[in-house]
Protein backbone atom coordinates (compact mmCIF):
# COMPACT_ATOMS: atom_id res chain seq x y z
CA UNK A 1 100.18 117.07 117.87
CA UNK A 2 102.39 115.50 120.41
CA UNK A 3 100.31 117.45 123.05
CA UNK A 4 97.19 116.22 121.72
CA UNK A 5 98.29 112.85 121.07
CA UNK A 6 100.28 112.52 124.21
CA UNK A 7 103.32 110.75 123.41
CA UNK A 8 106.02 112.05 121.13
CA UNK A 9 106.15 111.59 117.46
CA UNK A 10 108.59 112.23 114.69
CA UNK A 11 108.11 113.31 111.08
CA UNK A 12 109.89 111.01 108.83
CA UNK A 13 110.10 112.27 105.18
CA UNK A 14 109.86 109.48 102.59
CA UNK A 15 110.89 109.72 98.82
CA UNK A 16 108.14 109.45 95.93
CA UNK A 17 110.13 106.31 95.05
CA UNK A 18 110.16 104.55 98.54
CA UNK A 19 106.14 105.66 99.28
CA UNK A 20 105.37 104.21 95.44
CA UNK A 21 107.32 101.12 96.47
CA UNK A 22 105.50 100.63 99.79
CA UNK A 23 102.03 101.25 98.35
CA UNK A 24 102.54 99.00 95.55
CA UNK A 25 103.44 96.50 98.39
CA UNK A 26 100.32 97.07 99.87
CA UNK A 27 98.78 96.22 96.87
CA UNK A 28 97.23 99.84 96.65
CA UNK A 29 95.88 100.66 93.21
CA UNK A 30 97.92 102.23 90.56
CA UNK A 31 95.55 105.31 90.50
CA UNK A 32 95.64 106.05 94.25
CA UNK A 33 99.50 105.61 94.14
CA UNK A 34 99.24 108.50 91.56
CA UNK A 35 96.91 110.42 93.24
CA UNK A 36 98.76 110.25 96.75
CA UNK A 37 101.97 111.21 94.93
CA UNK A 38 100.33 114.25 93.17
CA UNK A 39 98.87 115.41 96.69
CA UNK A 40 102.39 114.96 98.24
CA UNK A 41 104.08 117.09 95.40
CA UNK A 42 101.34 119.90 95.97
CA UNK A 43 102.07 119.94 99.98
CA UNK A 44 106.06 120.07 99.49
CA UNK A 45 105.66 122.82 97.15
CA UNK A 46 103.56 124.83 99.77
CA UNK A 47 99.79 124.71 98.10
CA UNK A 48 98.34 123.47 101.30
CA UNK A 49 99.82 126.32 103.61
CA UNK A 50 97.00 128.67 102.77
CA UNK A 51 94.14 129.17 105.70
CA UNK A 52 90.90 130.01 105.67
CA UNK A 53 87.96 130.85 107.94
CA UNK A 54 85.73 128.32 106.79
CA UNK A 55 85.67 126.12 109.90
CA UNK A 56 84.46 129.23 111.86
CA UNK A 57 82.10 130.48 108.99
CA UNK A 58 80.60 126.63 109.73
CA UNK A 59 80.62 126.24 113.22
CA UNK A 60 80.40 130.13 114.28
CA UNK A 61 83.66 128.87 116.39
CA UNK A 62 87.14 129.72 115.89
CA UNK A 63 89.22 126.80 114.31
CA UNK A 64 91.32 124.97 116.96
CA UNK A 65 95.15 124.52 116.30
CA UNK A 66 97.16 121.50 116.83
C-alpha cells in the first residue's frame, strides 16, 4: 500500500478495549462497536485470508494486488 499511496504507512495493532473506548468517545452506536469488534476478531483469527476469483469472474480481468 505504501507504493499505491506514495507515502510510508505503519500498521498499529489496537486492543479491543482501546478500540471500544475510542469508538465510544466518537459516539458510535453500540451495535456498530460490537460489529467492528467481531469483524476484527474474525480477521485476527484468519477468516479473511481466503481469496477467490470473484473479481475476475465479474470483470473478466485478474484482480490487482496491493
